[in-house]
């Protein structure tokens, strides 16, 4: 029951393009890091106008890294395979309103 629901949700949320998008973001992150390094070298030689561009590249880098991490986590959620024991550890506390750290007694979910 829960396993089929999980599979259905993963299928709905799946993004076949995610691995390619993650790879593209990885390349963009590498490019931005190189650009930042070049700008830092220029700043050290006294070109102060580069400081503004360096801050812009740092902001772009942060954005690209956040996008990549969010996409990678979304992709993981849509492709992970959980067994029945894993699902029970997640679903039962959620359904019973208990914390994941509190032992569950007397809470039963049929199925």
PDB file of N, CA and C in Angstrom:
ATOM      1  N   UNK A   1       0.833  -1.185   0.000  1.00  0.00           N
ATOM      2  CA  UNK A   1       0.000   0.000   0.000  1.00  0.00           C
ATOM      3  C   UNK A   1       0.884   1.257   0.000  1.00  0.00           C
ATOM      4  N   UNK A   2       1.707   1.396   1.003  1.00  0.00           N
ATOM      5  CA  UNK A   2       2.573   2.564   1.095  1.00  0.00           C
ATOM      6  C   UNK A   2       3.628   2.523  -0.004  1.00  0.00           C
ATOM      7  N   UNK A   3       4.138   1.321  -0.270  1.00  0.00           N
ATOM      8  CA  UNK A   3       5.167   1.167  -1.298  1.00  0.00           C
ATOM      9  C   UNK A   3       4.634   1.619  -2.666  1.00  0.00           C
ATOM     10  N   UNK A   4       3.405   1.247  -2.987  1.00  0.00           N
ATOM     11  CA  UNK A   4       2.837   1.641  -4.281  1.00  0.00           C
ATOM     12  C   UNK A   4       2.585   3.149  -4.319  1.00  0.00           C
ATOM     13  N   UNK A   5       2.146   3.716  -3.191  1.00  0.00           N
ATOM     14  CA  UNK A   5       1.955   5.166  -3.128  1.00  0.00           C
ATOM     15  C   UNK A   5       3.279   5.890  -3.339  1.00  0.00           C
ATOM     16  N   UNK A   6       4.338   5.414  -2.681  1.00  0.00           N
ATOM     17  CA  UNK A   6       5.655   6.023  -2.821  1.00  0.00           C
ATOM     18  C   UNK A   6       6.129   5.950  -4.275  1.00  0.00           C
ATOM     19  N   UNK A   7       5.952   4.790  -4.896  1.00  0.00           N
ATOM     20  CA  UNK A   7       6.358   4.635  -6.301  1.00  0.00           C
ATOM     21  C   UNK A   7       5.592   5.594  -7.209  1.00  0.00           C
ATOM     22  N   UNK A   8       4.303   5.748  -6.943  1.00  0.00           N
ATOM     23  CA  UNK A   8       3.485   6.653  -7.746  1.00  0.00           C
ATOM     24  C   UNK A   8       3.945   8.100  -7.571  1.00  0.00           C
ATOM     25  N   UNK A   9       4.226   8.500  -6.333  1.00  0.00           N
ATOM     26  CA  UNK A   9       4.682   9.864  -6.073  1.00  0.00           C
ATOM     27  C   UNK A   9       6.046  10.115  -6.720  1.00  0.00           C
ATOM     28  N   UNK A  10       6.931   9.135  -6.650  1.00  0.00           N
ATOM     29  CA  UNK A  10       8.246   9.293  -7.275  1.00  0.00           C
ATOM     30  C   UNK A  10       8.098   9.448  -8.789  1.00  0.00           C
ATOM     31  N   UNK A  11       7.199   8.665  -9.380  1.00  0.00           N
ATOM     32  CA  UNK A  11       6.986   8.752 -10.821  1.00  0.00           C
ATOM     33  C   UNK A  11       6.445  10.133 -11.209  1.00  0.00           C
ATOM     34  N   UNK A  12       5.533  10.670 -10.389  1.00  0.00           N
ATOM     35  CA  UNK A  12       4.970  11.992 -10.678  1.00  0.00           C
ATOM     36  C   UNK A  12       6.024  13.094 -10.578  1.00  0.00           C
ATOM     37  N   UNK A  13       6.903  12.961  -9.595  1.00  0.00           N
ATOM     38  CA  UNK A  13       7.890  14.010  -9.331  1.00  0.00           C
ATOM     39  C   UNK A  13       9.185  13.846 -10.121  1.00  0.00           C
ATOM     40  N   UNK A  14       9.363  12.694 -10.741  1.00  0.00           N
ATOM     41  CA  UNK A  14      10.621  12.397 -11.427  1.00  0.00           C
ATOM     42  C   UNK A  14      10.909  13.399 -12.538  1.00  0.00           C
ATOM     43  N   UNK A  15      12.184  13.667 -12.699  1.00  0.00           N
ATOM     44  CA  UNK A  15      12.634  14.562 -13.758  1.00  0.00           C
ATOM     45  C   UNK A  15      13.762  13.868 -14.506  1.00  0.00           C
ATOM     46  N   UNK A  16      13.474  13.311 -15.681  1.00  0.00           N
ATOM     47  CA  UNK A  16      14.513  12.596 -16.430  1.00  0.00           C
ATOM     48  C   UNK A  16      15.700  13.490 -16.788  1.00  0.00           C
ATOM     49  N   UNK A  17      15.474  14.796 -16.824  1.00  0.00           N
ATOM     50  CA  UNK A  17      16.547  15.722 -17.177  1.00  0.00           C
ATOM     51  C   UNK A  17      17.451  16.048 -15.993  1.00  0.00           C
ATOM     52  N   UNK A  18      17.086  15.638 -14.791  1.00  0.00           N
ATOM     53  CA  UNK A  18      17.820  16.036 -13.585  1.00  0.00           C
ATOM     54  C   UNK A  18      19.309  15.707 -13.645  1.00  0.00           C
ATOM     55  N   UNK A  19      19.722  14.503 -14.016  1.00  0.00           N
ATOM     56  CA  UNK A  19      21.167  14.239 -14.049  1.00  0.00           C
ATOM     57  C   UNK A  19      21.923  15.181 -14.986  1.00  0.00           C
ATOM     58  N   UNK A  20      21.359  15.470 -16.146  1.00  0.00           N
ATOM     59  CA  UNK A  20      22.014  16.389 -17.083  1.00  0.00           C
ATOM     60  C   UNK A  20      22.039  17.807 -16.525  1.00  0.00           C
ATOM     61  N   UNK A  21      20.959  18.209 -15.847  1.00  0.00           N
ATOM     62  CA  UNK A  21      20.909  19.535 -15.252  1.00  0.00           C
ATOM     63  C   UNK A  21      21.931  19.655 -14.113  1.00  0.00           C
ATOM     64  N   UNK A  22      22.062  18.608 -13.324  1.00  0.00           N
ATOM     65  CA  UNK A  22      23.039  18.596 -12.233  1.00  0.00           C
ATOM     66  C   UNK A  22      24.446  18.715 -12.810  1.00  0.00           C
ATOM     67  N   UNK A  23      24.721  17.971 -13.857  1.00  0.00           N
ATOM     68  CA  UNK A  23      26.038  18.033 -14.501  1.00  0.00           C
ATOM     69  C   UNK A  23      26.316  19.434 -15.045  1.00  0.00           C
ATOM     70  N   UNK A  24      25.311  20.053 -15.653  1.00  0.00           N
ATOM     71  CA  UNK A  24      25.483  21.409 -16.186  1.00  0.00           C
ATOM     72  C   UNK A  24      25.768  22.401 -15.062  1.00  0.00           C
ATOM     73  N   UNK A  25      25.056  22.247 -13.938  1.00  0.00           N
ATOM     74  CA  UNK A  25      25.303  23.136 -12.812  1.00  0.00           C
ATOM     75  C   UNK A  25      26.687  22.903 -12.213  1.00  0.00           C
ATOM     76  N   UNK A  26      27.133  21.652 -12.179  1.00  0.00           N
ATOM     77  CA  UNK A  26      28.498  21.366 -11.706  1.00  0.00           C
ATOM     78  C   UNK A  26      29.522  22.094 -12.566  1.00  0.00           C
ATOM     79  N   UNK A  27      29.329  22.062 -13.883  1.00  0.00           N
ATOM     80  CA  UNK A  27      30.244  22.760 -14.802  1.00  0.00           C
ATOM     81  C   UNK A  27      30.191  24.266 -14.579  1.00  0.00           C
ATOM     82  N   UNK A  28      28.994  24.800 -14.362  1.00  0.00           N
ATOM     83  CA  UNK A  28      28.842  26.230 -14.112  1.00  0.00           C
ATOM     84  C   UNK A  28      29.544  26.627 -12.814  1.00  0.00           C
ATOM     85  N   UNK A  29      29.449  25.791 -11.798  1.00  0.00           N
ATOM     86  CA  UNK A  29      30.122  26.060 -10.523  1.00  0.00           C
ATOM     87  C   UNK A  29      31.630  26.094 -10.721  1.00  0.00           C
ATOM     88  N   UNK A  30      32.163  25.150 -11.473  1.00  0.00           N
ATOM     89  CA  UNK A  30      33.612  25.129 -11.757  1.00  0.00           C
ATOM     90  C   UNK A  30      34.006  26.399 -12.515  1.00  0.00           C
ATOM     91  N   UNK A  31      33.211  26.780 -13.521  1.00  0.00           N
ATOM     92  CA  UNK A  31      33.503  27.983 -14.303  1.00  0.00           C
ATOM     93  C   UNK A  31      33.513  29.221 -13.415  1.00  0.00           C
ATOM     94  N   UNK A  32      32.511  29.323 -12.531  1.00  0.00           N
ATOM     95  CA  UNK A  32      32.430  30.490 -11.653  1.00  0.00           C
ATOM     96  C   UNK A  32      33.598  30.537 -10.667  1.00  0.00           C
ATOM     97  N   UNK A  33      33.993  29.377 -10.164  1.00  0.00           N
ATOM     98  CA  UNK A  33      35.137  29.348  -9.235  1.00  0.00           C
ATOM     99  C   UNK A  33      36.412  29.800  -9.943  1.00  0.00           C
ATOM    100  N   UNK A  34      36.588  29.384 -11.191  1.00  0.00           N
ATOM    101  CA  UNK A  34      37.761  29.823 -11.963  1.00  0.00           C
ATOM    102  C   UNK A  34      37.714  31.331 -12.202  1.00  0.00           C
ATOM    103  N   UNK A  35      36.537  31.837 -12.549  1.00  0.00           N
ATOM    104  CA  UNK A  35      36.384  33.279 -12.789  1.00  0.00           C
ATOM    105  C   UNK A  35      36.698  34.062 -11.526  1.00  0.00           C
ATOM    106  N   UNK A  36      36.248  33.565 -10.385  1.00  0.00           N
ATOM    107  CA  UNK A  36      36.531  34.226  -9.107  1.00  0.00           C
ATOM    108  C   UNK A  36      38.031  34.230  -8.840  1.00  0.00           C
ATOM    109  N   UNK A  37      38.682  33.104  -9.082  1.00  0.00           N
ATOM    110  CA  UNK A  37      40.131  33.044  -8.874  1.00  0.00           C
ATOM    111  C   UNK A  37      40.867  34.052  -9.760  1.00  0.00           C
ATOM    112  N   UNK A  38      40.446  34.153 -11.026  1.00  0.00           N
ATOM    113  CA  UNK A  38      41.088  35.120 -11.943  1.00  0.00           C
ATOM    114  C   UNK A  38      40.860  36.551 -11.460  1.00  0.00           C
ATOM    115  N   UNK A  39      39.639  36.832 -11.003  1.00  0.00           N
ATOM    116  CA  UNK A  39      39.341  38.174 -10.510  1.00  0.00           C
ATOM    117  C   UNK A  39      40.133  38.501  -9.245  1.00  0.00           C
ATOM    118  N   UNK A  40      40.283  37.512  -8.382  1.00  0.00           N
ATOM    119  CA  UNK A  40      41.079  37.739  -7.170  1.00  0.00           C
ATOM    120  C   UNK A  40      42.527  38.041  -7.525  1.00  0.00           C
ATOM    121  N   UNK A  41      43.050  37.356  -8.541  1.00  0.00           N
ATOM    122  CA  UNK A  41      44.418  37.655  -8.999  1.00  0.00           C
ATOM    123  C   UNK A  41      44.518  39.094  -9.490  1.00  0.00           C
ATOM    124  N   UNK A  42      43.496  39.562 -10.221  1.00  0.00           N
ATOM    125  CA  UNK A  42      43.499  40.930 -10.727  1.00  0.00           C
ATOM    126  C   UNK A  42      43.417  41.939  -9.585  1.00  0.00           C
ATOM    127  N   UNK A  43      42.605  41.622  -8.583  1.00  0.00           N
ATOM    128  CA  UNK A  43      42.463  42.517  -7.431  1.00  0.00           C
ATOM    129  C   UNK A  43      43.810  42.669  -6.726  1.00  0.00           C
ATOM    130  N   UNK A  44      44.526  41.557  -6.581  1.00  0.00           N
ATOM    131  CA  UNK A  44      45.827  41.598  -5.925  1.00  0.00           C
ATOM    132  C   UNK A  44      46.818  42.480  -6.674  1.00  0.00           C
ATOM    133  N   UNK A  45      46.628  42.610  -7.973  1.00  0.00           N
ATOM    134  CA  UNK A  45      47.544  43.451  -8.755  1.00  0.00           C
ATOM    135  C   UNK A  45      47.082  44.899  -8.791  1.00  0.00           C
ATOM    136  N   UNK A  46      45.999  45.240  -8.101  1.00  0.00           N
ATOM    137  CA  UNK A  46      45.594  46.630  -7.952  1.00  0.00           C
ATOM    138  C   UNK A  46      44.424  47.090  -8.789  1.00  0.00           C
ATOM    139  N   UNK A  47      43.730  46.215  -9.478  1.00  0.00           N
ATOM    140  CA  UNK A  47      42.587  46.624 -10.299  1.00  0.00           C
ATOM    141  C   UNK A  47      41.324  46.572  -9.434  1.00  0.00           C
ATOM    142  N   UNK A  48      40.955  47.695  -8.828  1.00  0.00           N
ATOM    143  CA  UNK A  48      39.842  47.736  -7.869  1.00  0.00           C
ATOM    144  C   UNK A  48      38.476  47.520  -8.502  1.00  0.00           C
ATOM    145  N   UNK A  49      38.308  47.808  -9.792  1.00  0.00           N
ATOM    146  CA  UNK A  49      37.009  47.608 -10.435  1.00  0.00           C
ATOM    147  C   UNK A  49      36.643  46.124 -10.469  1.00  0.00           C
ATOM    148  N   UNK A  50      37.626  45.285 -10.328  1.00  0.00           N
ATOM    149  CA  UNK A  50      37.375  43.839 -10.346  1.00  0.00           C
ATOM    150  C   UNK A  50      36.683  43.368  -9.067  1.00  0.00           C
ATOM    151  N   UNK A  51      36.796  44.156  -8.003  1.00  0.00           N
ATOM    152  CA  UNK A  51      36.163  43.763  -6.740  1.00  0.00           C
ATOM    153  C   UNK A  51      34.655  43.628  -6.895  1.00  0.00           C
ATOM    154  N   UNK A  52      34.064  44.536  -7.644  1.00  0.00           N
ATOM    155  CA  UNK A  52      32.616  44.490  -7.869  1.00  0.00           C
ATOM    156  C   UNK A  52      32.264  43.225  -8.632  1.00  0.00           C
ATOM    157  N   UNK A  53      33.014  42.921  -9.671  1.00  0.00           N
ATOM    158  CA  UNK A  53      32.750  41.700 -10.449  1.00  0.00           C
ATOM    159  C   UNK A  53      32.982  40.456  -9.605  1.00  0.00           C
ATOM    160  N   UNK A  54      33.953  40.506  -8.727  1.00  0.00           N
ATOM    161  CA  UNK A  54      34.222  39.345  -7.863  1.00  0.00           C
ATOM    162  C   UNK A  54      33.025  39.084  -6.941  1.00  0.00           C
ATOM    163  N   UNK A  55      32.459  40.149  -6.385  1.00  0.00           N
ATOM    164  CA  UNK A  55      31.275  39.985  -5.518  1.00  0.00           C
ATOM    165  C   UNK A  55      30.099  39.427  -6.323  1.00  0.00           C
ATOM    166  N   UNK A  56      29.953  39.905  -7.564  1.00  0.00           N
ATOM    167  CA  UNK A  56      28.879  39.392  -8.414  1.00  0.00           C
ATOM    168  C   UNK A  56      29.071  37.904  -8.692  1.00  0.00           C
ATOM    169  N   UNK A  57      30.289  37.503  -8.996  1.00  0.00           N
ATOM    170  CA  UNK A  57      30.574  36.091  -9.280  1.00  0.00           C
ATOM    171  C   UNK A  57      30.355  35.237  -8.031  1.00  0.00           C
ATOM    172  N   UNK A  58      30.707  35.781  -6.853  1.00  0.00           N
ATOM    173  CA  UNK A  58      30.474  35.043  -5.608  1.00  0.00           C
ATOM    174  C   UNK A  58      28.975  34.804  -5.414  1.00  0.00           C
ATOM    175  N   UNK A  59      28.173  35.823  -5.708  1.00  0.00           N
ATOM    176  CA  UNK A  59      26.718  35.681  -5.592  1.00  0.00           C
ATOM    177  C   UNK A  59      26.198  34.662  -6.597  1.00  0.00           C
ATOM    178  N   UNK A  60      26.693  34.715  -7.832  1.00  0.00           N
ATOM    179  CA  UNK A  60      26.290  33.746  -8.855  1.00  0.00           C
ATOM    180  C   UNK A  60      26.683  32.335  -8.440  1.00  0.00           C
ATOM    181  N   UNK A  61      27.869  32.202  -7.873  1.00  0.00           N
ATOM    182  CA  UNK A  61      28.335  30.898  -7.423  1.00  0.00           C
ATOM    183  C   UNK A  61      27.419  30.347  -6.335  1.00  0.00           C
ATOM    184  N   UNK A  62      27.080  31.176  -5.367  1.00  0.00           N
ATOM    185  CA  UNK A  62      26.176  30.741  -4.298  1.00  0.00           C
ATOM    186  C   UNK A  62      24.833  30.290  -4.837  1.00  0.00           C
ATOM    187  N   UNK A  63      24.307  31.036  -5.784  1.00  0.00           N
ATOM    188  CA  UNK A  63      23.023  30.682  -6.398  1.00  0.00           C
ATOM    189  C   UNK A  63      23.128  29.361  -7.147  1.00  0.00           C
ATOM    190  N   UNK A  64      24.186  29.193  -7.939  1.00  0.00           N
ATOM    191  CA  UNK A  64      24.365  27.951  -8.706  1.00  0.00           C
ATOM    192  C   UNK A  64      24.517  26.757  -7.772  1.00  0.00           C
ATOM    193  N   UNK A  65      25.263  26.927  -6.688  1.00  0.00           N
ATOM    194  CA  UNK A  65      25.443  25.818  -5.740  1.00  0.00           C
ATOM    195  C   UNK A  65      24.128  25.457  -5.060  1.00  0.00           C
ATOM    196  N   UNK A  66      23.329  26.461  -4.707  1.00  0.00           N
ATOM    197  CA  UNK A  66      22.028  26.177  -4.079  1.00  0.00           C
ATOM    198  C   UNK A  66      21.094  25.473  -5.060  1.00  0.00           C
ATOM    199  N   UNK A  67      21.068  25.945  -6.304  1.00  0.00           N
ATOM    200  CA  UNK A  67      20.218  25.311  -7.319  1.00  0.00           C
ATOM    201  C   UNK A  67      20.634  23.861  -7.540  1.00  0.00           C
ATOM    202  N   UNK A  68      21.931  23.627  -7.617  1.00  0.00           N
ATOM    203  CA  UNK A  68      22.449  22.284  -7.847  1.00  0.00           C
ATOM    204  C   UNK A  68      22.089  21.365  -6.683  1.00  0.00           C
ATOM    205  N   UNK A  69      22.262  21.839  -5.452  1.00  0.00           N
ATOM    206  CA  UNK A  69      21.944  21.019  -4.283  1.00  0.00           C
ATOM    207  C   UNK A  69      20.452  20.693  -4.216  1.00  0.00           C
ATOM    208  N   UNK A  70      19.606  21.691  -4.487  1.00  0.00           N
ATOM    209  CA  UNK A  70      18.157  21.460  -4.466  1.00  0.00           C
ATOM    210  C   UNK A  70      17.752  20.460  -5.538  1.00  0.00           C
ATOM    211  N   UNK A  71      18.310  20.603  -6.726  1.00  0.00           N
ATOM    212  CA  UNK A  71      17.992  19.689  -7.822  1.00  0.00           C
ATOM    213  C   UNK A  71      18.481  18.278  -7.514  1.00  0.00           C
ATOM    214  N   UNK A  72      19.673  18.164  -6.956  1.00  0.00           N
ATOM    215  CA  UNK A  72      20.214  16.845  -6.615  1.00  0.00           C
ATOM    216  C   UNK A  72      19.363  16.170  -5.545  1.00  0.00           C
ATOM    217  N   UNK A  73      18.914  16.926  -4.549  1.00  0.00           N
ATOM    218  CA  UNK A  73      18.059  16.339  -3.516  1.00  0.00           C
ATOM    219  C   UNK A  73      16.706  15.932  -4.085  1.00  0.00           C
ATOM    220  N   UNK A  74      16.144  16.764  -4.954  1.00  0.00           N
ATOM    221  CA  UNK A  74      14.872  16.415  -5.590  1.00  0.00           C
ATOM    222  C   UNK A  74      15.026  15.133  -6.408  1.00  0.00           C
ATOM    223  N   UNK A  75      16.127  15.043  -7.146  1.00  0.00           N
ATOM    224  CA  UNK A  75      16.374  13.848  -7.955  1.00  0.00           C
ATOM    225  C   UNK A  75      16.530  12.620  -7.055  1.00  0.00           C
ATOM    226  N   UNK A  76      17.232  12.758  -5.954  1.00  0.00           N
ATOM    227  CA  UNK A  76      17.417  11.635  -5.027  1.00  0.00           C
ATOM    228  C   UNK A  76      16.077  11.156  -4.485  1.00  0.00           C
ATOM    229  N   UNK A  77      15.223  12.094  -4.097  1.00  0.00           N
ATOM    230  CA  UNK A  77      13.919  11.733  -3.548  1.00  0.00           C
ATOM    231  C   UNK A  77      13.089  10.970  -4.563  1.00  0.00           C
ATOM    232  N   UNK A  78      13.217  11.305  -5.831  1.00  0.00           N
ATOM    233  CA  UNK A  78      12.396  10.645  -6.850  1.00  0.00           C
ATOM    234  C   UNK A  78      12.991   9.334  -7.335  1.00  0.00           C
ATOM    235  N   UNK A  79      14.207   9.016  -6.923  1.00  0.00           N
ATOM    236  CA  UNK A  79      14.828   7.774  -7.395  1.00  0.00           C
ATOM    237  C   UNK A  79      15.186   6.800  -6.282  1.00  0.00           C
ATOM    238  N   UNK A  80      15.101   7.220  -5.037  1.00  0.00           N
ATOM    239  CA  UNK A  80      15.492   6.345  -3.926  1.00  0.00           C
ATOM    240  C   UNK A  80      14.497   5.183  -3.794  1.00  0.00           C
ATOM    241  N   UNK A  81      15.011   4.041  -3.475  1.00  0.00           N
ATOM    242  CA  UNK A  81      14.161   2.866  -3.279  1.00  0.00           C
ATOM    243  C   UNK A  81      14.195   2.514  -1.794  1.00  0.00           C
ATOM    244  N   UNK A  82      13.036   2.536  -1.161  1.00  0.00           N
ATOM    245  CA  UNK A  82      12.927   2.236   0.264  1.00  0.00           C
ATOM    246  C   UNK A  82      12.229   0.903   0.464  1.00  0.00           C
ATOM    247  N   UNK A  83      12.731   0.141   1.408  1.00  0.00           N
ATOM    248  CA  UNK A  83      12.088  -1.113   1.759  1.00  0.00           C
ATOM    249  C   UNK A  83      10.961  -0.889   2.756  1.00  0.00           C
ATOM    250  N   UNK A  84      10.230  -1.949   3.056  1.00  0.00           N
ATOM    251  CA  UNK A  84       9.102  -1.837   3.978  1.00  0.00           C
ATOM    252  C   UNK A  84       9.536  -1.351   5.357  1.00  0.00           C
ATOM    253  N   UNK A  85      10.666  -1.850   5.864  1.00  0.00           N
ATOM    254  CA  UNK A  85      11.134  -1.442   7.195  1.00  0.00           C
ATOM    255  C   UNK A  85      11.460   0.056   7.202  1.00  0.00           C
ATOM    256  N   UNK A  86      12.080   0.550   6.121  1.00  0.00           N
ATOM    257  CA  UNK A  86      12.382   1.984   6.023  1.00  0.00           C
ATOM    258  C   UNK A  86      11.102   2.810   6.035  1.00  0.00           C
ATOM    259  N   UNK A  87      10.128   2.359   5.273  1.00  0.00           N
ATOM    260  CA  UNK A  87       8.867   3.090   5.203  1.00  0.00           C
ATOM    261  C   UNK A  87       8.144   3.105   6.547  1.00  0.00           C
ATOM    262  N   UNK A  88       8.185   1.976   7.271  1.00  0.00           N
ATOM    263  CA  UNK A  88       7.551   1.937   8.582  1.00  0.00           C
ATOM    264  C   UNK A  88       8.193   2.949   9.531  1.00  0.00           C
ATOM    265  N   UNK A  89       9.522   3.079   9.454  1.00  0.00           N
ATOM    266  CA  UNK A  89      10.232   4.025  10.318  1.00  0.00           C
ATOM    267  C   UNK A  89       9.821   5.465  10.034  1.00  0.00           C
ATOM    268  N   UNK A  90       9.397   5.749   8.826  1.00  0.00           N
ATOM    269  CA  UNK A  90       9.009   7.102   8.460  1.00  0.00           C
ATOM    270  C   UNK A  90       7.505   7.309   8.627  1.00  0.00           C
ATOM    271  N   UNK A  91       6.706   6.387   8.117  1.00  0.00           N
ATOM    272  CA  UNK A  91       5.260   6.577   8.058  1.00  0.00           C
ATOM    273  C   UNK A  91       4.591   6.450   9.414  1.00  0.00           C
ATOM    274  N   UNK A  92       4.973   5.472  10.206  1.00  0.00           N
ATOM    275  CA  UNK A  92       4.292   5.263  11.490  1.00  0.00           C
ATOM    276  C   UNK A  92       4.455   6.471  12.416  1.00  0.00           C
ATOM    277  N   UNK A  93       5.660   6.975  12.639  1.00  0.00           N
ATOM    278  CA  UNK A  93       5.752   8.164  13.507  1.00  0.00           C
ATOM    279  C   UNK A  93       4.983   9.351  12.943  1.00  0.00           C
ATOM    280  N   UNK A  94       5.030   9.517  11.634  1.00  0.00           N
ATOM    281  CA  UNK A  94       4.302  10.618  11.005  1.00  0.00           C
ATOM    282  C   UNK A  94       2.799  10.449  11.232  1.00  0.00           C
ATOM    283  N   UNK A  95       2.286   9.262  10.993  1.00  0.00           N
ATOM    284  CA  UNK A  95       0.852   9.011  11.127  1.00  0.00           C
ATOM    285  C   UNK A  95       0.397   9.100  12.579  1.00  0.00           C
ATOM    286  N   UNK A  96       1.269   8.719  13.510  1.00  0.00           N
ATOM    287  CA  UNK A  96       0.913   8.736  14.933  1.00  0.00           C
ATOM    288  C   UNK A  96       1.188  10.089  15.574  1.00  0.00           C
ATOM    289  N   UNK A  97       1.819  10.977  14.847  1.00  0.00           N
ATOM    290  CA  UNK A  97       2.106  12.293  15.394  1.00  0.00           C
ATOM    291  C   UNK A  97       3.264  12.297  16.372  1.00  0.00           C
ATOM    292  N   UNK A  98       4.072  11.253  16.354  1.00  0.00           N
ATOM    293  CA  UNK A  98       5.194  11.154  17.280  1.00  0.00           C
ATOM    294  C   UNK A  98       6.473  11.654  16.628  1.00  0.00           C
ATOM    295  N   UNK A  99       7.414  11.977  17.477  1.00  0.00           N
ATOM    296  CA  UNK A  99       8.741  12.354  17.001  1.00  0.00           C
ATOM    297  C   UNK A  99       9.451  11.103  16.520  1.00  0.00           C
ATOM    298  N   UNK A 100      10.389  11.269  15.611  1.00  0.00           N
ATOM    299  CA  UNK A 100      11.173  10.147  15.129  1.00  0.00           C
ATOM    300  C   UNK A 100      12.075   9.586  16.221  1.00  0.00           C
ATOM    301  N   UNK A 101      12.311  10.362  17.258  1.00  0.00           N
ATOM    302  CA  UNK A 101      13.218   9.934  18.318  1.00  0.00           C
ATOM    303  C   UNK A 101      12.494   9.264  19.486  1.00  0.00           C
ATOM    304  N   UNK A 102      11.164   9.297  19.460  1.00  0.00           N
ATOM    305  CA  UNK A 102      10.392   8.737  20.561  1.00  0.00           C
ATOM    306  C   UNK A 102       9.929   7.331  20.185  1.00  0.00           C
ATOM    307  N   UNK A 103      10.119   6.340  21.087  1.00  0.00           N
ATOM    308  CA  UNK A 103       9.639   4.984  20.775  1.00  0.00           C
ATOM    309  C   UNK A 103       8.118   4.999  20.571  1.00  0.00           C
ATOM    310  N   UNK A 104       7.664   4.183  19.661  1.00  0.00           N
ATOM    311  CA  UNK A 104       6.244   4.135  19.349  1.00  0.00           C
ATOM    312  C   UNK A 104       5.636   2.889  19.990  1.00  0.00           C
ATOM    313  N   UNK A 105       4.671   3.116  20.853  1.00  0.00           N
ATOM    314  CA  UNK A 105       3.993   1.992  21.492  1.00  0.00           C
ATOM    315  C   UNK A 105       2.501   2.107  21.201  1.00  0.00           C
ATOM    316  N   UNK A 106       1.902   1.003  20.787  1.00  0.00           N
ATOM    317  CA  UNK A 106       0.462   0.986  20.559  1.00  0.00           C
ATOM    318  C   UNK A 106       0.010   1.716  19.310  1.00  0.00           C
ATOM    319  N   UNK A 107       0.912   2.080  18.470  1.00  0.00           N
ATOM    320  CA  UNK A 107       0.526   2.749  17.240  1.00  0.00           C
ATOM    321  C   UNK A 107       0.661   1.749  16.109  1.00  0.00           C
ATOM    322  N   UNK A 108      -0.423   1.470  15.433  1.00  0.00           N
ATOM    323  CA  UNK A 108      -0.401   0.449  14.385  1.00  0.00           C
ATOM    324  C   UNK A 108      -1.052   1.009  13.139  1.00  0.00           C
ATOM    325  N   UNK A 109      -0.381   0.834  12.031  1.00  0.00           N
ATOM    326  CA  UNK A 109      -0.946   1.207  10.733  1.00  0.00           C
ATOM    327  C   UNK A 109      -1.167  -0.070   9.951  1.00  0.00           C
ATOM    328  N   UNK A 110      -2.409  -0.398   9.646  1.00  0.00           N
ATOM    329  CA  UNK A 110      -2.670  -1.630   8.896  1.00  0.00           C
ATOM    330  C   UNK A 110      -2.093  -1.553   7.489  1.00  0.00           C
ATOM    331  N   UNK A 111      -1.844  -2.711   6.917  1.00  0.00           N
ATOM    332  CA  UNK A 111      -1.403  -2.737   5.537  1.00  0.00           C
ATOM    333  C   UNK A 111      -0.139  -3.465   5.439  1.00  0.00           C
TER     334      UNK A 111
END
